[in-house]
Protein backbone atom coordinates (compact mmCIF):
# COMPACT_ATOMS: atom_id res chain seq x y z
CA MET A 1 1.03 -58.44 -5.32
CA THR A 2 0.93 -55.22 -7.36
CA ASN A 3 4.07 -54.65 -9.45
CA LYS A 4 6.34 -51.81 -8.28
CA LYS A 5 7.53 -51.01 -11.80
CA GLU A 6 3.97 -50.62 -13.01
CA VAL A 7 3.18 -48.24 -10.15
CA MET A 8 6.27 -46.16 -10.93
CA ARG A 9 5.30 -46.09 -14.60
CA ARG A 10 1.84 -44.78 -13.74
CA ILE A 11 3.28 -42.13 -11.42
CA LEU A 12 5.54 -40.91 -14.23
CA GLU A 13 2.89 -41.12 -16.96
CA SER A 14 0.50 -39.03 -14.85
CA GLY A 15 3.07 -36.25 -14.47
CA GLY A 16 3.99 -37.03 -10.88
CA VAL A 17 7.66 -36.18 -11.44
CA GLU A 18 9.00 -32.92 -12.88
CA ILE A 19 12.67 -32.04 -13.37
CA ARG A 20 13.80 -28.67 -14.71
CA ASP A 21 17.02 -27.93 -16.58
CA VAL A 22 18.25 -25.34 -14.09
CA ASN A 23 21.79 -25.56 -15.44
CA GLY A 24 20.33 -24.63 -18.81
CA GLY A 25 18.59 -21.53 -17.46
CA ALA A 26 15.23 -22.81 -16.19
CA ASP A 27 13.91 -21.50 -12.88
CA PRO A 28 14.17 -23.99 -10.00
CA PHE A 29 11.18 -25.13 -7.98
CA LEU A 30 10.48 -23.21 -4.78
CA TYR A 31 9.56 -25.73 -2.09
CA SER A 32 7.32 -25.13 0.92
CA SER A 33 10.48 -25.23 3.07
CA GLY A 34 11.76 -22.09 1.35
CA ASN A 35 14.55 -24.04 -0.33
CA ARG A 36 14.88 -24.44 -4.08
CA GLY A 37 15.71 -27.41 -6.27
CA PRO A 38 15.47 -28.80 -9.81
CA GLY A 39 12.97 -31.57 -9.12
CA TYR A 40 9.46 -31.97 -7.77
CA VAL A 41 7.73 -35.26 -6.95
CA ASP A 42 3.97 -35.00 -6.41
CA ILE A 43 2.78 -38.20 -4.77
CA LYS A 44 -0.16 -36.65 -2.91
CA GLY A 45 -1.55 -35.36 -6.21
CA ARG A 46 -1.99 -38.95 -7.47
CA VAL A 47 -5.26 -39.00 -5.53
CA GLY A 48 -6.74 -37.42 -8.68
CA TRP A 49 -5.89 -40.52 -10.75
CA ASP A 50 -7.68 -43.69 -9.62
CA SER A 51 -5.57 -45.67 -12.09
CA VAL A 52 -2.46 -44.53 -10.19
CA PHE A 53 -3.69 -44.12 -6.62
CA GLU A 54 -5.39 -47.50 -6.20
CA PRO A 55 -2.49 -49.70 -7.45
CA MET A 56 -0.08 -47.53 -5.46
CA MET A 57 -2.05 -48.04 -2.27
CA ALA A 58 -2.50 -51.76 -2.92
CA LEU A 59 1.28 -52.09 -3.24
CA PHE A 60 1.70 -50.06 -0.04
CA ALA A 61 -0.65 -52.33 1.91
CA ASP A 62 0.90 -55.53 0.55
CA HIS A 63 4.37 -54.31 1.46
CA LEU A 64 3.42 -53.54 5.07
CA ILE A 65 1.73 -56.91 5.44
CA ALA A 66 4.84 -58.63 4.06
CA GLN A 67 6.92 -56.67 6.59
CA LYS A 68 4.58 -57.92 9.35
CA ILE A 69 3.79 -54.41 10.56
CA GLU A 70 1.16 -54.51 13.28
CA CYS A 71 -0.92 -51.50 14.29
CA ASP A 72 -4.16 -50.65 16.06
CA LEU A 73 -4.16 -47.05 14.88
CA ILE A 74 -3.03 -45.25 11.72
CA VAL A 75 -2.25 -41.53 11.95
CA GLY A 76 -2.26 -39.80 8.57
CA MET A 77 -0.19 -36.63 8.42
CA MET A 78 -2.08 -33.70 6.89
CA THR A 79 1.06 -32.62 5.01
CA GLY A 80 0.15 -35.26 2.42
CA GLY A 81 -0.53 -38.53 4.18
CA ALA A 82 -4.17 -37.98 5.16
CA LEU A 83 -5.85 -39.62 2.16
CA PRO A 84 -3.19 -42.31 1.63
CA GLY A 85 -3.40 -43.10 5.35
CA TYR A 86 -7.18 -43.49 5.23
CA ARG A 87 -7.08 -45.73 2.16
CA LEU A 88 -4.30 -47.76 3.75
CA LYS A 89 -6.44 -48.26 6.84
CA GLN A 90 -9.26 -49.60 4.66
CA LEU A 91 -7.01 -51.99 2.76
CA LEU A 92 -5.16 -53.29 5.81
CA SER A 93 -8.41 -53.80 7.73
CA GLU A 94 -9.82 -55.78 4.80
CA LYS A 95 -6.70 -57.84 4.11
CA MET A 96 -5.90 -58.55 7.77
CA GLY A 97 -9.49 -59.11 8.83
CA ARG A 98 -9.46 -56.85 11.87
CA ARG A 99 -10.37 -53.36 12.97
CA ILE A 100 -7.79 -50.61 12.46
CA ILE A 101 -8.73 -47.06 13.45
CA TYR A 102 -7.74 -44.01 11.44
CA ILE A 103 -7.21 -40.42 12.58
CA TYR A 104 -5.28 -37.54 11.08
CA GLN A 105 -2.77 -35.10 12.54
CA ARG A 106 -2.19 -31.53 11.43
CA GLY A 107 0.50 -28.97 12.20
CA ALA A 108 3.38 -31.41 12.72
CA ARG A 109 5.81 -29.20 10.79
CA LYS A 110 5.75 -26.86 13.79
CA ILE A 111 8.00 -27.69 16.72
CA GLY A 112 6.70 -27.10 20.25
CA GLY A 113 3.33 -25.99 21.54
CA HIS A 114 0.64 -27.99 23.28
CA GLN A 115 -2.40 -27.46 21.08
CA GLU A 116 -4.55 -30.41 20.02
CA LEU A 117 -3.30 -31.72 16.66
CA ASP A 118 -5.28 -34.95 16.21
CA THR A 119 -8.73 -35.27 14.66
CA GLY A 120 -10.78 -38.44 15.11
CA ASP A 121 -9.74 -39.66 18.55
CA ARG A 122 -11.86 -37.43 20.78
CA ASN A 123 -14.26 -39.62 22.83
CA ASN A 124 -13.33 -42.56 20.57
CA SER A 125 -13.71 -45.74 22.61
CA PHE A 126 -12.33 -47.85 19.75
CA ILE A 127 -8.83 -46.50 20.36
CA PRO A 128 -7.28 -48.50 23.22
CA ALA A 129 -4.80 -47.05 25.68
CA GLN A 130 -1.20 -47.27 24.50
CA SER A 131 -2.33 -48.07 20.96
CA LYS A 132 0.28 -49.50 18.60
CA THR A 133 0.39 -46.57 16.17
CA LEU A 134 1.66 -46.23 12.59
CA ILE A 135 2.52 -42.77 11.24
CA VAL A 136 1.73 -42.47 7.50
CA GLU A 137 3.00 -39.96 4.96
CA GLU A 138 3.01 -39.87 1.17
CA LEU A 139 6.70 -38.96 0.98
CA VAL A 140 9.56 -38.42 3.39
CA ASN A 141 12.52 -36.15 2.67
CA PHE A 142 14.18 -34.76 5.82
CA ALA A 143 11.74 -36.70 8.10
CA GLU A 144 11.07 -33.67 10.29
CA THR A 145 7.30 -34.07 10.00
CA THR A 146 7.57 -37.81 10.64
CA VAL A 147 9.59 -37.31 13.82
CA ASN A 148 7.40 -34.46 15.09
CA GLY A 149 4.27 -36.53 14.45
CA ALA A 150 5.62 -39.58 16.24
CA THR A 151 6.87 -37.49 19.17
CA TYR A 152 3.45 -35.88 19.59
CA GLU A 153 1.66 -39.24 19.63
CA ARG A 154 4.15 -40.63 22.14
CA GLU A 155 4.39 -37.69 24.52
CA GLU A 156 0.93 -36.12 24.30
CA LYS A 157 -1.23 -39.21 23.68
CA GLY A 158 0.79 -41.98 25.33
CA ARG A 159 0.75 -44.13 22.20
CA ILE A 160 3.36 -46.66 21.14
CA VAL A 161 5.08 -45.51 17.96
CA THR A 162 7.96 -47.57 16.61
CA ASP A 163 7.15 -47.46 12.90
CA ALA A 164 6.27 -45.00 10.16
CA ALA A 165 5.41 -45.67 6.54
CA THR A 166 5.57 -43.70 3.32
CA VAL A 167 4.98 -44.29 -0.37
CA LEU A 168 8.19 -42.49 -1.43
CA PHE A 169 11.42 -42.01 0.50
CA TYR A 170 14.04 -39.55 -0.75
CA GLN A 171 16.73 -41.69 0.94
CA ASN A 172 18.15 -38.55 2.48
CA PRO A 173 21.08 -39.29 4.86
CA VAL A 174 19.85 -36.55 7.21
CA ALA A 175 16.49 -38.32 7.45
CA VAL A 176 18.12 -41.69 8.09
CA GLU A 177 20.05 -40.29 11.05
CA ARG A 178 17.06 -38.33 12.38
CA LEU A 179 14.80 -41.38 12.30
CA LYS A 180 17.45 -43.52 13.97
CA ALA A 181 17.96 -40.94 16.72
CA HIS A 182 14.24 -41.05 17.53
CA ASN A 183 13.88 -44.85 17.30
CA ILE A 184 11.56 -44.83 14.31
CA ASN A 185 11.64 -47.60 11.71
CA LEU A 186 10.61 -46.21 8.32
CA HIS A 187 9.00 -48.46 5.71
CA TRP A 188 8.63 -47.39 2.08
CA ILE A 189 7.74 -48.90 -1.28
CA ILE A 190 9.65 -46.58 -3.65
CA GLY A 191 13.06 -45.00 -3.12
CA LEU A 192 13.68 -41.83 -5.10
CA ARG A 193 17.39 -42.52 -5.64
CA ASP A 194 17.38 -46.29 -5.99
CA ASP A 195 14.05 -46.89 -7.73
CA LEU A 196 12.16 -44.00 -9.28
CA LEU A 197 14.91 -41.92 -10.91
CA PRO A 198 16.82 -44.88 -12.44
CA PHE A 199 13.53 -46.28 -13.74
CA ALA A 200 12.61 -42.90 -15.25
CA VAL A 201 15.89 -42.85 -17.19
CA ASP A 202 15.69 -46.50 -18.27
CA GLU A 203 12.15 -46.04 -19.57
CA GLY A 204 12.90 -42.78 -21.39
CA PHE A 205 10.86 -40.39 -19.28
CA PHE A 206 13.93 -38.22 -18.63
CA THR A 207 17.46 -38.11 -19.98
CA LYS A 208 20.38 -39.12 -17.79
CA LYS A 209 21.75 -35.59 -18.15
CA ILE A 210 18.66 -33.97 -16.66
CA VAL A 211 18.34 -36.58 -13.89
CA ASP A 212 21.99 -36.08 -12.97
CA GLN A 213 21.08 -32.47 -12.08
CA TYR A 214 18.54 -33.83 -9.61
CA TYR A 215 21.14 -36.19 -8.13
CA GLU A 216 23.51 -33.23 -7.71
CA PHE A 217 20.83 -31.49 -5.66
CA LEU A 218 19.98 -34.60 -3.64
CA ASP A 219 23.65 -35.19 -2.82
CA ASN A 220 23.90 -31.81 -1.08
CA PRO A 221 20.86 -29.49 -1.15
CA GLU A 222 22.70 -26.88 0.91
CA VAL A 223 25.63 -26.56 -1.50
CA TRP A 224 23.26 -26.65 -4.47
CA ASN A 225 21.25 -23.69 -3.12
CA ILE A 226 24.10 -21.57 -1.79
CA SER A 227 26.23 -22.02 -4.92
CA ARG A 228 23.36 -20.53 -6.93
CA GLY A 229 22.87 -17.57 -4.61
CA PHE A 230 19.85 -18.90 -2.72
CA GLN A 231 19.35 -19.02 1.03
CA PHE A 232 19.25 -22.52 2.51
CA PHE A 233 16.90 -23.44 5.35
CA GLU A 234 18.40 -26.19 7.49
CA GLY A 235 16.60 -29.46 8.15
CA ARG A 236 13.39 -28.86 6.22
């Protein structure tokens, strides 16, 4: 099995984590949600580094197999899980010795509407009715996209969705409650709080002082933004 520490090292060495000294005067990152923060983790960008992406995906596949996750269909979320989801489908099919179908879903950040979001399932006879479906993302923060994606597959496509999987989980309490409320079991290989940030400090990629600023943000993003004069957008 691929070593988690080695995968984290490669993520860090390839520049996949950035933390700014906002308390020291640096500008914070502006996220797609409209919120700001001192840190940015770019997992989807690791697709540009085979030496990072391939071991990361091998670890992902091995973890799901060890967890005995069964699926007929993988849905990659276009917010960042499309390529990881496709590679995961290849690895799981190979390692488990059976067919797993892959499609991708776009637009899951938007709530409501009845437009077609999936690509790859139209006239696809390989996708059985009530397929056991796994939602895949590259990272999960507030889990809004995860929940919206699972809800769409359940309600619009009649698929069975009990599990979702991600490379990195922010371990956000809001996400934990949201996933629980929608009966979704989330599986991940790297926790931002418990794994990646402590490892980054231990290995000298960042100082404890700078990482503590990120923890301050993660503890309460709303307070962090408002106390610095920024608007906070709930649940994104």
